[in-house]
Amino acid sequence: MTSPFPSLGTYIVFRLNPVMMVAQFDDEASLAAARALPTKKYVAYVRELGQLNPPQPWHWCSLRLVGRGLPTWPNDELMEDDMYVPIFPATNHPSREPIRATPQFPFPDCYHWSQTDAVVRIPFAPYDESVAVKLPLEEMRKHEMYVHADFLRWRALSVSSMEHAHTPTGSEAGLAQDKTGAHVAASITARCDPVDSNQSMSSASSYSMTESDLAMNEGPQEKRVDIEMVPTVALTLHLMAADTFGDPNEYYAELAVVRSLVAQAKARAMKRAHLDALLRARSEPTSNDTVIDSTRRSIHPQCRSHQRSTHPVGSVLGHYSLAGTGRQPSA
C-alpha cells in the first residue's frame, strides 16, 4: 500500500536536500556549494504532519529524532543524564520502560533524546507503507508523556538557574540578567531546531495551516521563521537503508551550515533584484522625456515648420518640458 506521505508514528530515514533549498534563488555559487556539501542520513519518526494553505508540493512535518547510544548534551548543564527514552530492543534507563515499534525497531542501542526534534518539508511521493516500522498510538502517547515530563524538569532547572545566578547591584544588574537569560535560551537553542515539546499528544495530527502559522520552537523559545529556512529532505521508509546514521547533534550542526547557504543565496538574490530594479528605472524614460515625446507627436507637421522658423531653437520644447514642474521658461 502506498501513501503520498508517511503516516503518524512512522519511522523514516532522511537526508537534508540543500540543492533543492537553494535552487529557487538561481545563485550558481550557492548551488555549487550545496552540491559539494556532504549530508548524512538521520532516523526519526513522524510526530505531526500538515499541508500549508495554499497547497505546496510538499508537507511540513514534525519529527522526533533518534540517536545511537545515550545522549550527549554539549555545553548544557540544564539537561540531565536520564532525559531520554529507549527504543526496544534497547532497554537501558534507570526508570523508564522502552517504547516499542511494530514491527520491532531494527537497530540496537537507540534512544530518543529529549528536546531533539526537527521540523522539515517532505515532498509528495508514493511511500510504501507496507515496509514501514511504526510506533502505535499508545506508544506515541507514552513517549509524549516522557518528553513532557523532561520539558517541565528542564524549565524548572532554567528558572532555578536564573534565580541562583549572581546578579550584581547597580548599573551592571540589567546586563547580568540579560546574560543569564541569553545563556538559558542559548543552551537549548544550540541543540533544538524545532517544535513545542510541551504540546500534548492530542495535537499530533494531520491538518492544514497557513504559511504565517508555521513556527519553530527551539526549546521554549518560539520564533517565526522564513519558509525557505525550513529544511527540505529526501526520505525513505526502508529503515535498513540507514546502515549508519548521524545523531541529533550532527543533524543540528549540518542544518546550520545549510541554512547559512540559504541565507547567502537569498541575500544575493535580493541584491540582484534591487540592482535590476535600479537599472530598469534608469533605462525607463523620465516624466519630462515622456511629455516632450508626446508633445512632438501631437504637433502637426505644418506647425512644426512654422515653429522652427519663428522661435529660437529649443524654446518650444523648453516650454513643454518645464510645464510639468510648475516653472516657466526664462524670457
Protein backbone atom coordinates (compact mmCIF):
# COMPACT_ATOMS: atom_id res chain seq x y z
CA MET A 1 0.00 0.00 0.00
CA THR A 2 1.36 3.43 -0.94
CA SER A 3 0.60 6.83 0.52
CA PRO A 4 1.50 10.37 -0.64
CA PHE A 5 3.05 10.97 2.78
CA PRO A 6 4.20 8.86 5.74
CA SER A 7 1.58 8.37 8.43
CA LEU A 8 1.95 9.46 12.06
CA GLY A 9 4.32 7.33 14.10
CA THR A 10 6.21 6.07 11.04
CA TYR A 11 9.98 5.87 11.33
CA ILE A 12 11.82 7.34 8.35
CA VAL A 13 15.37 7.64 7.08
CA PHE A 14 16.03 11.12 5.72
CA ARG A 15 18.71 13.47 4.43
CA LEU A 16 18.77 17.22 4.08
CA ASN A 17 18.43 18.38 0.47
CA PRO A 18 20.45 21.61 0.30
CA VAL A 19 20.39 21.73 -3.51
CA MET A 20 16.59 21.94 -3.57
CA MET A 21 16.63 24.56 -0.83
CA VAL A 22 18.93 26.98 -2.68
CA ALA A 23 17.80 26.23 -6.27
CA GLN A 24 14.90 28.70 -6.08
CA PHE A 25 17.34 31.63 -5.74
CA ASP A 26 19.12 30.94 -9.05
CA ASP A 27 22.52 31.51 -7.45
CA GLU A 28 25.33 29.50 -9.02
CA ALA A 29 27.78 29.94 -6.15
CA SER A 30 25.29 28.63 -3.60
CA LEU A 31 24.23 25.77 -5.87
CA ALA A 32 27.85 24.69 -6.29
CA ALA A 33 28.39 24.82 -2.53
CA ALA A 34 25.17 22.88 -1.90
CA ARG A 35 26.17 20.15 -4.37
CA ALA A 36 29.55 19.80 -2.66
CA LEU A 37 28.09 19.65 0.84
CA PRO A 38 28.24 16.14 2.36
CA THR A 39 24.97 15.11 4.03
CA LYS A 40 24.34 12.31 6.48
CA LYS A 41 21.35 10.05 6.96
CA TYR A 42 19.19 10.51 10.04
CA VAL A 43 16.37 8.48 11.59
CA ALA A 44 13.21 9.87 13.16
CA TYR A 45 9.51 9.19 13.47
CA VAL A 46 6.69 11.41 12.24
CA ARG A 47 5.10 13.28 15.13
CA GLU A 48 2.93 15.77 13.22
CA LEU A 49 2.08 16.31 9.59
CA GLY A 50 0.36 19.18 7.83
CA GLN A 51 -0.23 20.84 4.48
CA LEU A 52 0.31 24.55 4.01
CA ASN A 53 -2.61 26.60 2.72
CA PRO A 54 -2.45 27.46 -0.15
CA PRO A 55 -1.15 23.98 -1.03
CA GLN A 56 2.54 23.43 -1.75
CA PRO A 57 4.24 20.45 -3.44
CA TRP A 58 5.28 19.20 -0.02
CA HIS A 59 4.03 18.68 3.53
CA TRP A 60 5.59 20.22 6.58
CA CYS A 61 6.45 17.57 9.13
CA SER A 62 7.46 17.50 12.80
CA LEU A 63 9.92 14.71 13.63
CA ARG A 64 11.30 13.06 16.78
CA LEU A 65 14.96 12.31 16.11
CA VAL A 66 16.74 9.07 17.03
CA GLY A 67 20.25 8.86 18.49
CA ARG A 68 22.51 5.84 18.64
CA GLY A 69 23.83 5.48 22.15
CA LEU A 70 22.99 7.53 25.21
CA PRO A 71 22.54 11.27 24.71
CA THR A 72 25.23 13.89 24.92
CA TRP A 73 24.31 17.45 25.82
CA PRO A 74 27.17 19.68 24.67
CA ASN A 75 27.59 22.72 26.89
CA ASP A 76 24.19 22.26 28.52
CA GLU A 77 24.09 21.64 32.23
CA LEU A 78 20.29 22.01 32.19
CA MET A 79 19.76 18.62 30.53
CA GLU A 80 20.08 15.69 32.90
CA ASP A 81 21.55 12.29 32.10
CA ASP A 82 18.24 10.40 32.22
CA MET A 83 16.35 12.68 29.80
CA TYR A 84 15.88 10.09 27.09
CA VAL A 85 13.65 7.14 26.15
CA PRO A 86 14.95 3.73 24.96
CA ILE A 87 13.61 2.23 21.73
CA PHE A 88 13.20 -1.51 22.16
CA PRO A 89 15.33 -3.68 21.86
CA ALA A 90 17.29 -1.04 23.84
CA THR A 91 16.21 -1.04 27.50
CA ASN A 92 18.89 1.00 29.26
CA HIS A 93 17.18 3.54 31.52
CA PRO A 94 17.04 3.85 35.32
CA SER A 95 13.24 4.06 35.46
CA ARG A 96 11.53 4.24 32.06
CA GLU A 97 10.08 1.42 30.02
CA PRO A 98 11.21 1.42 26.37
CA ILE A 99 8.80 2.34 23.60
CA ARG A 100 8.07 -0.49 21.15
CA ALA A 101 7.65 -0.14 17.41
CA THR A 102 5.73 -2.52 15.15
CA PRO A 103 7.47 -4.44 13.70
CA GLN A 104 10.42 -4.24 16.09
CA PHE A 105 12.86 -1.38 15.59
CA PRO A 106 15.77 -2.92 13.63
CA PHE A 107 18.71 -1.20 15.34
CA PRO A 108 20.09 -1.90 18.84
CA ASP A 109 21.20 0.73 21.34
CA CYS A 110 18.95 3.51 20.00
CA TYR A 111 17.20 6.20 22.02
CA HIS A 112 15.03 9.27 21.65
CA TRP A 113 16.95 12.09 23.30
CA SER A 114 14.57 14.60 24.87
CA GLN A 115 14.18 18.02 23.26
CA THR A 116 15.74 16.86 19.99
CA ASP A 117 13.08 17.39 17.35
CA ALA A 118 13.02 18.72 13.80
CA VAL A 119 10.57 20.49 11.50
CA VAL A 120 11.10 19.64 7.82
CA ARG A 121 9.43 19.77 4.42
CA ILE A 122 8.78 16.40 2.81
CA PRO A 123 7.86 16.08 -0.87
CA PHE A 124 4.74 14.37 -2.13
CA ALA A 125 5.74 10.91 -3.34
CA PRO A 126 4.41 7.35 -3.26
CA TYR A 127 5.64 5.99 0.07
CA ASP A 128 5.44 2.24 0.55
CA GLU A 129 3.65 1.80 3.88
CA SER A 130 4.00 -1.99 3.72
CA VAL A 131 7.68 -1.72 4.76
CA ALA A 132 7.07 0.88 7.48
CA VAL A 133 8.17 0.50 11.08
CA LYS A 134 5.67 2.40 13.23
CA LEU A 135 5.01 3.44 16.78
CA PRO A 136 1.42 2.56 17.73
CA LEU A 137 -0.62 5.47 19.08
CA GLU A 138 -0.35 4.28 22.69
CA GLU A 139 3.46 4.18 22.38
CA MET A 140 3.46 7.70 20.94
CA ARG A 141 1.41 8.82 23.93
CA LYS A 142 3.88 7.16 26.29
CA HIS A 143 6.79 8.90 24.59
CA GLU A 144 4.97 12.23 24.68
CA MET A 145 4.40 11.82 28.42
CA TYR A 146 8.13 11.25 28.98
CA VAL A 147 9.10 14.22 26.79
CA HIS A 148 6.61 16.46 28.56
CA ALA A 149 7.99 15.43 31.96
CA ASP A 150 11.54 16.20 30.78
CA PHE A 151 10.43 19.57 29.45
CA LEU A 152 8.91 20.51 32.82
CA ARG A 153 12.14 19.46 34.56
CA TRP A 154 14.21 21.46 32.07
CA ARG A 155 12.02 24.52 32.61
CA ALA A 156 12.31 24.20 36.39
CA LEU A 157 16.09 23.94 36.07
CA SER A 158 16.09 27.02 33.83
CA VAL A 159 14.16 29.06 36.40
CA SER A 160 16.38 27.82 39.20
CA SER A 161 19.49 28.67 37.21
CA MET A 162 18.30 32.23 36.72
CA GLU A 163 17.23 32.65 40.34
CA HIS A 164 20.56 31.45 41.70
CA ALA A 165 22.72 33.32 39.22
CA HIS A 166 24.78 36.10 40.77
CA THR A 167 23.19 39.43 39.89
CA PRO A 168 25.33 42.48 40.68
CA THR A 169 23.75 45.63 42.01
CA GLY A 170 23.76 49.00 40.34
CA SER A 171 24.26 49.62 36.64
CA GLU A 172 25.51 46.06 35.97
CA ALA A 173 22.32 44.37 37.18
CA GLY A 174 20.38 44.62 33.94
CA LEU A 175 23.32 43.41 31.87
CA ALA A 176 23.87 40.42 34.14
CA GLN A 177 20.19 39.43 33.88
CA ASP A 178 20.34 39.68 30.10
CA LYS A 179 23.40 37.40 30.01
CA THR A 180 21.71 34.85 32.28
CA GLY A 181 18.57 34.75 30.15
CA ALA A 182 20.61 34.53 26.96
CA HIS A 183 22.60 31.60 28.38
CA VAL A 184 19.44 29.70 29.30
CA ALA A 185 17.89 30.28 25.88
CA ALA A 186 21.11 29.51 24.01
CA SER A 187 21.67 26.24 25.84
CA ILE A 188 18.68 24.64 24.20
CA THR A 189 18.56 26.78 21.04
CA ALA A 190 22.00 25.45 20.07
CA ARG A 191 20.64 21.93 20.26
CA CYS A 192 16.97 22.04 19.21
CA ASP A 193 15.59 23.18 15.91
CA PRO A 194 12.02 22.71 16.17
CA VAL A 195 8.65 22.12 17.77
CA ASP A 196 6.94 22.66 21.07
CA SER A 197 7.86 19.74 23.28
CA ASN A 198 5.24 20.95 25.75
CA GLN A 199 2.37 20.09 23.40
CA SER A 200 0.02 17.31 24.38
CA MET A 201 -0.37 14.19 22.31
CA SER A 202 -3.87 15.25 21.33
CA SER A 203 -2.34 17.80 18.96
CA ALA A 204 -0.40 15.20 16.98
CA SER A 205 -2.38 15.06 13.77
CA SER A 206 -2.52 15.98 10.11
CA TYR A 207 -4.06 19.36 9.36
CA SER A 208 -3.84 22.47 7.19
CA MET A 209 -2.17 25.71 8.15
CA THR A 210 -1.17 28.97 6.51
CA GLU A 211 2.46 29.86 5.92
CA SER A 212 2.22 32.62 8.55
CA ASP A 213 1.19 29.99 11.12
CA LEU A 214 4.40 28.00 10.67
CA ALA A 215 6.53 28.41 13.75
CA MET A 216 9.59 26.63 15.02
CA ASN A 217 10.10 26.29 18.72
CA GLU A 218 13.66 25.97 19.89
CA GLY A 219 13.02 24.68 23.38
CA PRO A 220 10.60 27.11 24.98
CA GLN A 221 11.66 29.98 22.72
CA GLU A 222 9.10 30.03 19.91
CA LYS A 223 10.02 32.02 16.84
CA ARG A 224 8.58 32.55 13.39
CA VAL A 225 10.83 31.51 10.54
CA ASP A 226 11.02 32.08 6.81
CA ILE A 227 9.66 29.11 4.95
CA GLU A 228 12.94 28.93 3.00
CA MET A 229 14.71 28.06 6.24
CA VAL A 230 12.54 25.00 6.92
CA PRO A 231 14.72 22.21 5.52
CA THR A 232 13.62 20.16 2.55
CA VAL A 233 14.51 16.48 2.90
CA ALA A 234 14.69 13.32 0.84
CA LEU A 235 13.40 10.27 2.69
CA THR A 236 12.55 6.60 2.61
CA LEU A 237 10.51 4.31 4.85
CA HIS A 238 13.06 1.49 4.42
CA LEU A 239 14.93 1.74 7.71
CA MET A 240 17.59 -0.71 6.59
CA ALA A 241 18.73 1.97 4.13
CA ALA A 242 20.33 3.57 7.20
CA ASP A 243 23.25 1.24 7.75
CA THR A 244 24.80 4.17 9.61
CA PHE A 245 23.14 7.42 10.61
CA GLY A 246 24.01 10.63 12.44
CA ASP A 247 22.84 11.66 15.88
CA PRO A 248 20.73 14.75 16.66
CA ASN A 249 23.76 16.92 17.44
CA GLU A 250 25.19 16.18 13.99
CA TYR A 251 21.83 16.99 12.42
CA TYR A 252 21.68 20.45 14.01
CA ALA A 253 25.27 21.20 13.01
CA GLU A 254 24.58 20.19 9.41
CA LEU A 255 21.33 22.16 9.36
CA ALA A 256 23.16 25.30 10.50
CA VAL A 257 25.52 25.01 7.53
CA VAL A 258 22.64 24.51 5.08
CA ARG A 259 20.73 27.47 6.49
CA SER A 260 23.82 29.61 6.11
CA LEU A 261 23.94 28.68 2.41
CA VAL A 262 20.24 29.51 2.03
CA ALA A 263 20.70 32.87 3.75
CA GLN A 264 23.63 33.75 1.48
CA ALA A 265 21.74 32.70 -1.65
CA LYS A 266 18.69 34.70 -0.59
CA ALA A 267 20.77 37.80 0.19
CA ARG A 268 22.47 37.66 -3.20
CA ALA A 269 19.12 37.14 -4.95
CA MET A 270 17.68 40.19 -3.18
CA LYS A 271 20.73 42.25 -4.10
CA ARG A 272 20.41 41.22 -7.76
CA ALA A 273 16.72 42.09 -7.76
CA HIS A 274 17.50 45.50 -6.26
CA LEU A 275 20.18 46.21 -8.88
CA ASP A 276 17.86 45.07 -11.68
CA ALA A 277 15.17 47.44 -10.42
CA LEU A 278 17.67 50.33 -10.41
CA LEU A 279 18.79 49.54 -13.96
CA ARG A 280 15.18 49.35 -15.17
CA ALA A 281 14.42 52.68 -13.51
CA ARG A 282 17.40 54.29 -15.22
CA SER A 283 16.52 52.89 -18.63
CA GLU A 284 12.88 53.97 -18.49
CA PRO A 285 12.06 57.48 -19.85
CA THR A 286 11.60 60.22 -17.25
CA SER A 287 8.31 62.07 -16.95
CA ASN A 288 9.76 65.13 -18.71
CA ASP A 289 11.03 62.96 -21.55
CA THR A 290 7.55 61.46 -21.87
CA VAL A 291 5.95 64.92 -22.05
CA ILE A 292 8.44 66.02 -24.70
CA ASP A 293 7.89 62.90 -26.78
CA SER A 294 4.11 63.15 -26.62
CA THR A 295 4.27 66.86 -27.46
CA ARG A 296 6.36 66.19 -30.56
CA ARG A 297 3.87 63.62 -31.78
CA SER A 298 0.89 65.92 -31.17
CA ILE A 299 2.21 68.92 -33.16
CA HIS A 300 1.06 68.96 -36.79
CA PRO A 301 3.96 68.88 -39.31
CA GLN A 302 2.99 72.26 -40.76
CA CYS A 303 3.01 73.78 -37.25
CA ARG A 304 6.46 72.29 -36.62
CA SER A 305 7.93 74.06 -39.67
CA HIS A 306 6.27 77.31 -38.58
CA GLN A 307 7.63 76.96 -35.02
CA ARG A 308 11.13 76.31 -36.29
CA SER A 309 11.00 79.48 -38.38
CA THR A 310 9.56 81.80 -35.69
CA HIS A 311 11.02 80.59 -32.39
CA PRO A 312 14.53 80.18 -31.12
CA VAL A 313 15.81 76.62 -31.29
CA GLY A 314 14.53 74.57 -28.35
CA SER A 315 12.21 77.26 -26.96
CA VAL A 316 9.03 75.30 -27.69
CA LEU A 317 10.48 72.11 -26.23
CA GLY A 318 11.75 74.09 -23.28
CA HIS A 319 8.25 75.39 -22.63
CA TYR A 320 6.68 71.94 -22.64
CA SER A 321 9.43 70.32 -20.60
CA LEU A 322 9.08 72.88 -17.84
CA ALA A 323 5.30 72.92 -17.82
CA GLY A 324 5.11 69.84 -15.61
CA THR A 325 7.41 71.37 -12.98
CA GLY A 326 5.39 74.49 -12.30
CA ARG A 327 8.24 76.71 -13.59
CA GLN A 328 8.12 78.98 -16.64
CA PRO A 329 10.99 79.26 -19.11
CA SER A 330 13.07 82.37 -18.85
CA ALA A 331 12.46 85.08 -21.43
